[in-house]
């Protein structure tokens, strides 16, 4: 397997990108509530084989229940939410899937939208029902589903080892195989991102990185997988792509020790038989910090907060070519004192041409990244994770979205948020954070330095 190193990154103790290292002992009074626990990707359901779900296509208008607690490394208790990759497989017609905690009312939201014949995935974070399960509803068409578990968030009752806090960052493109000298990722190639990490005085330990991966320019169908924190290549996919398709997926990738002392790395592997270009946009990092300074995850019932078709969250009407729109009426999605970022699903609908959508907090220059790529007339969803900007006029958080070409509707469903931990809200730990009132000390973990490109031989 040829190993392509697409990035060497120098990181300070502020932009920590994660590994599977043992978490440090927590400081007195530090809670595990809302902290992240990385897992090696594991398939827990596949309706084609009967794994976890009935061996049958999920019929339109029907709901299936999937037990998640106790599966794929998720504990049976102490879990507030799970991170899963949900794959729709060769749907008979265009449709959507709604995912939500079992035993609760089905929300009017969706996590996955797809055209006829499409196979693709999205990553979603969901709270579990009282029985440790999630519900999956097929809207408008029959579809086979596969579910891979990627990680979980602990609640205050968890007795597990200390999990990882989250630090969001301005989206930054770390890799583009079209232009950074690596060329298309060939079958059995591995795209590796290396970074140097110097532990600070409070001994943070890297654990994972949140990235938006986009596959494009493939001559046929295929998929990408990830290498786990233990060095094993996963047997499950993180990105599925079709010929000529631009396929984005927001996901969480484990980080492991690098080949050199003091370095770490994360990677994706092309285990399919089709060469493909890959864009890698970093959006946040997870790390274990015994002091508990950072953001914790707060699970929420899936809630629609933006819909340009109806004017929910902002002005009614499509985003036009090259236009930016601020959405300031999403207050129900967060705690004004603590919330620094929100997460969920972003959907582009009714596009008049092929386009891309970029979402960010609106407080800085628009990043040269994309959250979502969509073809004309095709509704497309992806996971969403965005820092909130602060609007002085409305005294509320906001996000901004940019549309590249044509006109498109934007729909957004929130399934969770990231709030400052109690330790981060302590005045003694305060830092400068002009984006939201939450005193999260984010400035002590600045964005990564610009990446460089090199080729590394296989291990």
Protein backbone atom coordinates (compact mmCIF):
# COMPACT_ATOMS: atom_id res chain seq x y z
CA UNK A 1 0.00 0.00 0.00
CA UNK A 2 1.55 3.29 -1.05
CA UNK A 3 1.30 5.87 1.69
CA UNK A 4 0.81 9.48 0.62
CA UNK A 5 1.53 12.06 3.28
CA UNK A 6 -0.58 15.03 2.27
CA UNK A 7 0.14 17.28 5.20
CA UNK A 8 2.75 18.00 7.79
CA UNK A 9 1.24 20.32 10.36
CA UNK A 10 2.81 22.10 13.31
CA UNK A 11 0.23 22.45 16.07
CA UNK A 12 0.48 24.31 19.33
CA UNK A 13 -1.15 23.09 22.51
CA UNK A 14 -4.19 24.92 21.34
CA UNK A 15 -5.26 23.03 18.26
CA UNK A 16 -5.02 19.51 19.56
CA UNK A 17 -5.96 16.75 17.20
CA UNK A 18 -6.51 13.50 18.78
CA UNK A 19 -5.17 10.02 19.22
CA UNK A 20 -6.05 6.81 20.86
CA UNK A 21 -3.70 7.45 23.74
CA UNK A 22 -4.78 6.73 27.29
CA UNK A 23 -6.62 9.68 28.79
CA UNK A 24 -5.01 11.44 31.76
CA UNK A 25 -6.57 11.29 35.20
CA UNK A 26 -9.12 14.04 35.60
CA UNK A 27 -8.68 16.90 38.04
CA UNK A 28 -10.92 17.01 41.10
CA UNK A 29 -14.44 18.09 40.26
CA UNK A 30 -14.08 17.58 36.49
CA UNK A 31 -17.19 15.89 35.06
CA UNK A 32 -17.39 13.37 32.24
CA UNK A 33 -20.73 14.87 31.21
CA UNK A 34 -20.86 15.57 27.47
CA UNK A 35 -17.31 14.40 26.71
CA UNK A 36 -16.45 12.39 23.60
CA UNK A 37 -15.19 8.80 23.43
CA UNK A 38 -13.67 7.73 20.10
CA UNK A 39 -14.30 4.19 18.82
CA UNK A 40 -12.91 2.19 15.95
CA UNK A 41 -15.64 2.32 13.33
CA UNK A 42 -17.90 -0.72 13.68
CA UNK A 43 -20.95 -1.77 11.68
CA UNK A 44 -23.89 -2.43 13.96
CA UNK A 45 -26.70 -2.64 11.39
CA UNK A 46 -27.27 -3.64 7.76
CA UNK A 47 -30.78 -4.31 6.50
CA UNK A 48 -29.39 -6.34 3.58
CA UNK A 49 -28.02 -9.02 5.91
CA UNK A 50 -30.25 -8.74 8.96
CA UNK A 51 -27.50 -7.31 11.17
CA UNK A 52 -29.17 -5.21 13.88
CA UNK A 53 -32.25 -4.65 11.70
CA UNK A 54 -34.77 -6.97 10.01
CA UNK A 55 -33.37 -8.53 6.83
CA UNK A 56 -35.55 -6.50 4.51
CA UNK A 57 -35.71 -3.15 2.77
CA UNK A 58 -37.13 -0.48 5.06
CA UNK A 59 -40.43 0.40 3.44
CA UNK A 60 -41.53 3.97 2.77
CA UNK A 61 -43.48 5.37 5.71
CA UNK A 62 -42.19 2.70 8.10
CA UNK A 63 -39.91 2.95 11.14
CA UNK A 64 -37.24 0.53 12.31
CA UNK A 65 -35.72 0.49 15.81
CA UNK A 66 -32.00 -0.11 16.24
CA UNK A 67 -30.39 -1.02 19.55
CA UNK A 68 -27.15 0.98 19.92
CA UNK A 69 -26.28 0.78 23.62
CA UNK A 70 -23.98 -2.19 24.15
CA UNK A 71 -23.12 -2.42 20.44
CA UNK A 72 -19.86 -1.62 18.65
CA UNK A 73 -18.11 -0.47 21.82
CA UNK A 74 -20.91 1.81 23.07
CA UNK A 75 -21.53 1.15 26.80
CA UNK A 76 -24.89 -0.03 28.08
CA UNK A 77 -25.22 2.98 30.38
CA UNK A 78 -23.79 6.44 30.95
CA UNK A 79 -24.35 7.46 27.30
CA UNK A 80 -25.91 10.81 26.37
CA UNK A 81 -25.55 10.51 22.58
CA UNK A 82 -23.89 8.44 19.86
CA UNK A 83 -22.10 9.38 16.64
CA UNK A 84 -23.11 7.11 13.76
CA UNK A 85 -22.58 6.97 10.02
CA UNK A 86 -25.89 6.25 8.27
CA UNK A 87 -25.70 4.86 4.73
CA UNK A 88 -28.57 4.62 2.25
CA UNK A 89 -28.03 1.86 -0.30
CA UNK A 90 -29.43 1.94 -3.85
CA UNK A 91 -32.78 3.51 -3.02
CA UNK A 92 -35.56 2.73 -5.51
CA UNK A 93 -36.48 6.44 -5.80
CA UNK A 94 -35.51 9.76 -4.27
CA UNK A 95 -36.31 10.07 -0.59
CA UNK A 96 -35.06 10.82 2.89
CA UNK A 97 -34.39 9.24 6.28
CA UNK A 98 -35.26 10.64 9.69
CA UNK A 99 -33.30 9.44 12.73
CA UNK A 100 -34.31 10.17 16.32
CA UNK A 101 -34.31 8.71 19.87
CA UNK A 102 -36.59 5.70 20.19
CA UNK A 103 -39.74 6.18 22.23
CA UNK A 104 -40.05 9.85 21.27
CA UNK A 105 -42.23 11.63 18.73
CA UNK A 106 -40.76 11.54 15.22
CA UNK A 107 -39.49 15.04 14.38
CA UNK A 108 -40.13 16.85 11.11
CA UNK A 109 -36.44 16.73 10.22
CA UNK A 110 -34.17 14.55 8.09
CA UNK A 111 -30.58 13.37 8.37
CA UNK A 112 -30.16 11.93 4.88
CA UNK A 113 -31.59 12.97 1.49
CA UNK A 114 -30.87 10.98 -1.67
CA UNK A 115 -31.80 10.54 -5.35
CA UNK A 116 -32.91 7.27 -6.96
CA UNK A 117 -30.25 4.56 -7.12
CA UNK A 118 -27.87 6.46 -4.85
CA UNK A 119 -25.55 4.92 -2.27
CA UNK A 120 -24.08 7.38 0.21
CA UNK A 121 -23.67 8.24 3.86
CA UNK A 122 -23.97 11.02 6.39
CA UNK A 123 -22.68 11.25 9.95
CA UNK A 124 -25.18 12.18 12.64
CA UNK A 125 -25.06 12.59 16.42
CA UNK A 126 -28.19 11.44 18.23
CA UNK A 127 -29.35 10.96 21.81
CA UNK A 128 -30.53 7.45 22.66
CA UNK A 129 -34.02 6.54 23.76
CA UNK A 130 -34.67 5.19 27.24
CA UNK A 131 -34.11 1.66 25.90
CA UNK A 132 -30.73 2.58 24.38
CA UNK A 133 -32.06 2.62 20.82
CA UNK A 134 -32.61 4.99 17.89
CA UNK A 135 -35.47 4.99 15.40
CA UNK A 136 -35.00 5.16 11.63
CA UNK A 137 -37.87 6.31 9.40
CA UNK A 138 -37.91 6.00 5.60
CA UNK A 139 -39.68 8.90 3.92
CA UNK A 140 -41.32 8.54 0.47
CA UNK A 141 -39.35 5.50 -0.77
CA UNK A 142 -38.07 2.07 0.22
CA UNK A 143 -34.38 1.92 1.11
CA UNK A 144 -31.73 -0.37 2.58
CA UNK A 145 -29.75 1.09 5.45
CA UNK A 146 -26.38 0.42 7.06
CA UNK A 147 -25.25 1.99 10.35
CA UNK A 148 -21.68 2.30 11.63
CA UNK A 149 -20.92 3.60 15.11
CA UNK A 150 -17.98 6.03 15.35
CA UNK A 151 -18.08 7.21 18.97
CA UNK A 152 -20.23 8.26 21.89
CA UNK A 153 -20.72 11.05 24.43
CA UNK A 154 -20.90 10.27 28.13
CA UNK A 155 -23.40 11.70 30.59
CA UNK A 156 -22.86 12.73 34.19
CA UNK A 157 -23.44 9.15 35.44
CA UNK A 158 -20.68 7.66 33.30
CA UNK A 159 -17.93 5.78 35.12
CA UNK A 160 -15.78 5.49 31.98
CA UNK A 161 -12.33 7.06 31.71
CA UNK A 162 -12.29 10.79 31.10
CA UNK A 163 -13.55 11.61 27.62
CA UNK A 164 -12.48 14.41 25.28
CA UNK A 165 -13.59 18.03 25.19
CA UNK A 166 -14.18 19.64 21.80
CA UNK A 167 -12.60 22.79 20.36
CA UNK A 168 -14.15 24.06 17.12
CA UNK A 169 -12.07 26.05 14.66
CA UNK A 170 -12.58 28.15 11.58
CA UNK A 171 -12.85 25.62 8.72
CA UNK A 172 -9.49 25.24 6.98
CA UNK A 173 -8.54 23.22 3.92
CA UNK A 174 -5.62 20.98 4.84
CA UNK A 175 -5.56 18.90 1.69
CA UNK A 176 -6.65 19.00 -1.96
CA UNK A 177 -5.25 16.18 -4.09
CA UNK A 178 -6.06 18.15 -7.23
CA UNK A 179 -3.51 20.83 -6.43
CA UNK A 180 -1.20 19.86 -3.55
CA UNK A 181 1.02 17.52 -5.55
CA UNK A 182 -0.32 14.20 -4.34
CA UNK A 183 -2.61 13.47 -7.29
CA UNK A 184 -5.67 11.25 -7.15
CA UNK A 185 -5.84 8.73 -4.33
CA UNK A 186 -5.28 5.44 -6.12
CA UNK A 187 -6.62 2.04 -4.95
CA UNK A 188 -4.76 0.99 -1.75
CA UNK A 189 -3.30 4.49 -1.29
CA UNK A 190 -3.43 6.14 2.11
CA UNK A 191 -3.73 9.90 2.55
CA UNK A 192 -1.90 10.78 5.76
CA UNK A 193 -1.95 14.05 7.71
CA UNK A 194 0.91 14.50 10.18
CA UNK A 195 1.23 17.14 12.84
CA UNK A 196 3.63 17.94 15.65
CA UNK A 197 2.18 18.37 19.15
CA UNK A 198 3.79 19.75 22.24
CA UNK A 199 1.92 18.99 25.44
CA UNK A 200 1.18 22.02 27.58
CA UNK A 201 1.50 22.22 31.33
CA UNK A 202 -1.90 20.67 31.97
CA UNK A 203 -1.01 17.58 29.92
CA UNK A 204 -3.72 17.48 27.25
CA UNK A 205 -3.81 14.30 25.18
CA UNK A 206 -4.88 14.33 21.48
CA UNK A 207 -7.83 12.07 20.64
CA UNK A 208 -9.68 12.89 17.37
CA UNK A 209 -10.22 15.39 14.60
CA UNK A 210 -13.45 16.55 13.00
CA UNK A 211 -13.10 16.87 9.23
CA UNK A 212 -15.26 17.37 6.18
CA UNK A 213 -14.06 14.90 3.53
CA UNK A 214 -15.15 15.41 -0.07
CA UNK A 215 -14.59 12.79 -2.80
CA UNK A 216 -14.75 13.96 -6.43
CA UNK A 217 -13.62 13.28 -10.01
CA UNK A 218 -13.99 9.51 -9.71
CA UNK A 219 -14.29 7.46 -12.90
CA UNK A 220 -16.51 4.94 -11.11
CA UNK A 221 -18.07 4.08 -7.78
CA UNK A 222 -15.99 3.51 -4.68
CA UNK A 223 -15.39 4.37 -1.04
CA UNK A 224 -12.83 5.59 1.48
CA UNK A 225 -12.14 4.13 4.91
CA UNK A 226 -10.12 5.36 7.90
CA UNK A 227 -7.21 3.98 9.88
CA UNK A 228 -8.07 3.65 13.55
CA UNK A 229 -6.17 4.85 16.59
CA UNK A 230 -4.74 1.33 16.91
CA UNK A 231 -3.38 1.46 13.35
CA UNK A 232 -5.97 -0.93 11.90
CA UNK A 233 -7.72 0.02 8.66
CA UNK A 234 -11.48 -0.02 9.20
CA UNK A 235 -13.67 -2.41 7.24
CA UNK A 236 -16.43 0.20 7.10
CA UNK A 237 -16.58 3.25 4.84
CA UNK A 238 -16.48 6.93 5.78
CA UNK A 239 -17.21 8.25 2.27
CA UNK A 240 -19.09 6.57 -0.59
CA UNK A 241 -18.92 8.08 -4.07
CA UNK A 242 -20.30 7.44 -7.55
CA UNK A 243 -18.90 8.21 -10.98
CA UNK A 244 -18.68 11.95 -11.49
CA UNK A 245 -20.26 12.70 -8.11
CA UNK A 246 -19.04 15.28 -5.61
CA UNK A 247 -19.61 13.52 -2.28
CA UNK A 248 -19.00 15.38 1.03
CA UNK A 249 -19.17 13.76 4.47
CA UNK A 250 -18.52 15.41 7.84
CA UNK A 251 -16.93 12.81 10.08
CA UNK A 252 -14.71 12.25 13.11
CA UNK A 253 -11.37 10.54 12.48
CA UNK A 254 -9.16 8.99 15.17
CA UNK A 255 -5.59 10.21 15.56
CA UNK A 256 -2.65 7.97 16.45
CA UNK A 257 1.01 8.50 17.30
CA UNK A 258 3.09 9.43 14.25
CA UNK A 259 6.25 7.82 12.98
CA UNK A 260 8.45 10.44 14.61
CA UNK A 261 8.63 11.22 18.32
CA UNK A 262 6.26 14.00 19.30
CA UNK A 263 4.11 13.69 16.18
CA UNK A 264 0.58 12.45 15.54
CA UNK A 265 -1.36 11.58 12.41
CA UNK A 266 -4.77 10.74 10.98
CA UNK A 267 -5.57 9.28 7.58
CA UNK A 268 -8.07 7.97 5.07
CA UNK A 269 -7.48 4.91 2.89
CA UNK A 270 -8.83 4.13 -0.57
CA UNK A 271 -9.80 0.48 -0.15
CA UNK A 272 -11.97 0.56 -3.29
CA UNK A 273 -10.83 -0.04 -6.88
CA UNK A 274 -11.44 3.51 -8.14
CA UNK A 275 -9.02 6.46 -8.10
CA UNK A 276 -10.52 9.63 -6.62
CA UNK A 277 -9.62 13.17 -5.62
CA UNK A 278 -10.09 14.08 -1.96
CA UNK A 279 -10.60 17.42 -0.23
CA UNK A 280 -9.92 17.53 3.52
CA UNK A 281 -11.32 20.44 5.55
CA UNK A 282 -10.54 20.50 9.28
CA UNK A 283 -13.32 21.96 11.42
CA UNK A 284 -12.46 21.07 15.01
CA UNK A 285 -10.47 18.91 17.38
CA UNK A 286 -11.07 16.70 20.39
CA UNK A 287 -8.65 16.18 23.24
CA UNK A 288 -8.55 14.80 26.75
CA UNK A 289 -7.74 17.55 29.23
CA UNK A 290 -7.61 16.68 32.94
CA UNK A 291 -8.61 20.28 33.72
CA UNK A 292 -11.76 19.90 31.59
CA UNK A 293 -11.28 23.19 29.72
CA UNK A 294 -13.18 23.24 26.46
CA UNK A 295 -16.64 22.39 25.16
CA UNK A 296 -18.94 19.55 26.12
CA UNK A 297 -21.68 18.09 23.94
CA UNK A 298 -25.31 18.64 24.86
CA UNK A 299 -27.70 16.26 23.10
CA UNK A 300 -30.92 17.78 21.78
CA UNK A 301 -34.11 16.51 20.23
CA UNK A 302 -33.67 17.04 16.46
CA UNK A 303 -35.01 20.54 15.77
CA UNK A 304 -35.34 22.43 12.47
CA UNK A 305 -33.87 25.93 12.89
CA UNK A 306 -33.34 27.12 9.29
CA UNK A 307 -35.54 26.70 6.22
CA UNK A 308 -35.33 29.28 3.45
CA UNK A 309 -38.46 27.84 1.86
CA UNK A 310 -40.55 29.16 4.74
CA UNK A 311 -38.37 31.89 6.23
CA UNK A 312 -37.49 29.91 9.35
CA UNK A 313 -34.36 31.31 11.02
CA UNK A 314 -33.89 34.12 8.50
CA UNK A 315 -35.26 35.71 5.33
CA UNK A 316 -37.48 33.62 3.07
CA UNK A 317 -36.19 32.79 -0.40
CA UNK A 318 -33.30 30.97 -2.06
CA UNK A 319 -29.68 32.03 -1.76
CA UNK A 320 -28.57 33.40 -5.11
CA UNK A 321 -25.27 33.13 -6.96
CA UNK A 322 -22.35 34.34 -4.85
CA UNK A 323 -24.64 35.47 -2.05
CA UNK A 324 -24.12 35.32 1.71
CA UNK A 325 -26.94 35.27 4.23
CA UNK A 326 -26.84 35.58 8.01
CA UNK A 327 -29.29 33.52 10.03
CA UNK A 328 -29.92 35.21 13.37
CA UNK A 329 -33.16 33.67 14.63
CA UNK A 330 -31.93 30.30 15.86
CA UNK A 331 -31.92 31.09 19.58
CA UNK A 332 -33.92 27.97 20.48
CA UNK A 333 -30.89 25.90 19.49
CA UNK A 334 -28.49 27.07 22.17
CA UNK A 335 -27.72 28.45 25.62
CA UNK A 336 -26.78 32.11 25.14
CA UNK A 337 -24.26 32.05 28.00
CA UNK A 338 -22.44 28.79 27.28
CA UNK A 339 -22.92 27.64 23.68
CA UNK A 340 -20.01 28.20 21.30
CA UNK A 341 -21.07 25.87 18.45
CA UNK A 342 -23.99 23.83 17.13
CA UNK A 343 -24.12 20.56 15.20
CA UNK A 344 -26.67 18.69 13.13
CA UNK A 345 -27.62 18.28 9.47
CA UNK A 346 -27.43 20.78 6.61
CA UNK A 347 -29.46 20.19 3.42
CA UNK A 348 -29.36 21.96 0.06
CA UNK A 349 -32.61 21.68 -1.92
CA UNK A 350 -34.04 22.80 -5.25
CA UNK A 351 -30.68 23.86 -6.68
CA UNK A 352 -30.95 25.49 -10.10
CA UNK A 353 -27.37 24.46 -10.97
CA UNK A 354 -24.48 22.52 -9.52
CA UNK A 355 -23.17 24.47 -6.54
CA UNK A 356 -21.51 24.39 -3.16
CA UNK A 357 -22.49 25.84 0.21
CA UNK A 358 -20.11 27.16 2.87
CA UNK A 359 -21.29 27.81 6.42
CA UNK A 360 -19.34 29.55 9.17
CA UNK A 361 -19.87 31.90 12.10
CA UNK A 362 -19.74 35.06 9.99
CA UNK A 363 -17.22 36.72 12.33
CA UNK A 364 -14.22 36.10 10.10
CA UNK A 365 -13.51 36.11 6.36
CA UNK A 366 -15.42 33.36 4.57
CA UNK A 367 -13.26 30.22 4.61
CA UNK A 368 -12.15 28.60 1.35
CA UNK A 369 -13.91 25.36 2.24
CA UNK A 370 -17.31 23.80 1.59
CA UNK A 371 -19.84 22.06 3.80
CA UNK A 372 -22.03 20.75 1.03
CA UNK A 373 -21.83 20.08 -2.71
CA UNK A 374 -25.01 19.54 -4.68
CA UNK A 375 -26.00 18.82 -8.28
CA UNK A 376 -28.82 20.59 -10.10
CA UNK A 377 -32.22 19.38 -8.95
CA UNK A 378 -30.77 16.93 -6.37
CA UNK A 379 -31.41 17.44 -2.66
CA UNK A 380 -28.26 16.65 -0.68
CA UNK A 381 -27.52 16.49 3.07
CA UNK A 382 -24.36 16.44 5.14
CA UNK A 383 -23.43 16.71 8.76
CA UNK A 384 -22.98 20.25 10.05
CA UNK A 385 -20.76 21.63 12.81
CA UNK A 386 -20.49 25.42 13.07
CA UNK A 387 -19.27 27.97 15.58
CA UNK A 388 -21.77 30.67 16.46
CA UNK A 389 -21.07 34.32 15.80
CA UNK A 390 -22.49 36.96 18.11
CA UNK A 391 -25.02 39.48 16.83
CA UNK A 392 -24.99 42.63 18.98
CA UNK A 393 -28.31 43.85 17.55
CA UNK A 394 -30.31 40.75 18.37
CA UNK A 395 -28.10 39.73 21.32
CA UNK A 396 -28.03 36.22 19.94
CA UNK A 397 -25.81 33.77 18.12
CA UNK A 398 -25.86 33.45 14.35
CA UNK A 399 -24.37 31.56 11.42
CA UNK A 400 -23.70 32.71 7.87
CA UNK A 401 -24.05 30.69 4.67
CA UNK A 402 -22.65 31.29 1.19
CA UNK A 403 -23.92 29.82 -2.09
CA UNK A 404 -21.52 29.51 -5.01
CA UNK A 405 -23.70 29.16 -8.13
CA UNK A 406 -27.31 29.36 -9.23
CA UNK A 407 -29.96 29.51 -6.53
CA UNK A 408 -30.58 27.05 -3.72
CA UNK A 409 -32.71 26.54 -0.61
CA UNK A 410 -30.97 25.82 2.67
CA UNK A 411 -32.45 23.65 5.43
CA UNK A 412 -30.80 23.03 8.79
CA UNK A 413 -31.65 20.69 11.65
CA UNK A 414 -29.84 20.88 14.98
CA UNK A 415 -29.29 17.66 16.96
CA UNK A 416 -26.88 19.00 19.56
CA UNK A 417 -24.66 21.85 20.68
CA UNK A 418 -21.30 22.41 22.33
CA UNK A 419 -21.35 24.34 25.60
CA UNK A 420 -18.47 25.58 27.72
CA UNK A 421 -17.68 23.18 30.55
CA UNK A 422 -18.02 24.37 34.14
CA UNK A 423 -14.23 24.57 34.33
CA UNK A 424 -14.11 26.75 31.21
CA UNK A 425 -16.79 29.07 32.63
CA UNK A 426 -14.68 29.66 35.75
CA UNK A 427 -13.55 33.32 35.65
CA UNK A 428 -10.02 32.20 36.52
CA UNK A 429 -9.91 30.22 33.27
CA UNK A 430 -11.45 32.92 31.09
CA UNK A 431 -9.97 33.80 27.76
CA UNK A 432 -10.90 36.17 24.98
CA UNK A 433 -13.77 34.77 22.91
CA UNK A 434 -15.56 37.48 20.95
CA UNK A 435 -17.84 35.04 19.20
CA UNK A 436 -20.15 34.05 22.01
CA UNK A 437 -20.40 34.93 25.69
CA UNK A 438 -19.11 31.47 26.65
CA UNK A 439 -15.67 31.80 28.27
CA UNK A 440 -14.15 28.71 26.69
CA UNK A 441 -10.48 29.75 26.61
CA UNK A 442 -10.42 28.86 22.92
CA UNK A 443 -7.54 31.25 22.33
CA UNK A 444 -5.17 28.85 24.07
CA UNK A 445 -5.72 26.42 21.20
CA UNK A 446 -5.22 28.46 17.97
CA UNK A 447 -5.80 27.17 14.46
CA UNK A 448 -3.22 24.83 12.85
CA UNK A 449 -0.42 26.29 10.78
CA UNK A 450 -0.52 25.95 7.00
CA UNK A 451 0.12 22.40 5.75
CA UNK A 452 2.91 21.25 3.47
CA UNK A 453 2.93 18.29 1.11
CA UNK A 454 5.25 15.30 0.99
CA UNK A 455 5.22 11.66 -0.11
CA UNK A 456 6.01 9.00 2.49
CA UNK A 457 6.73 5.36 1.66
CA UNK A 458 4.48 2.63 2.97
CA UNK A 459 5.09 1.31 6.45
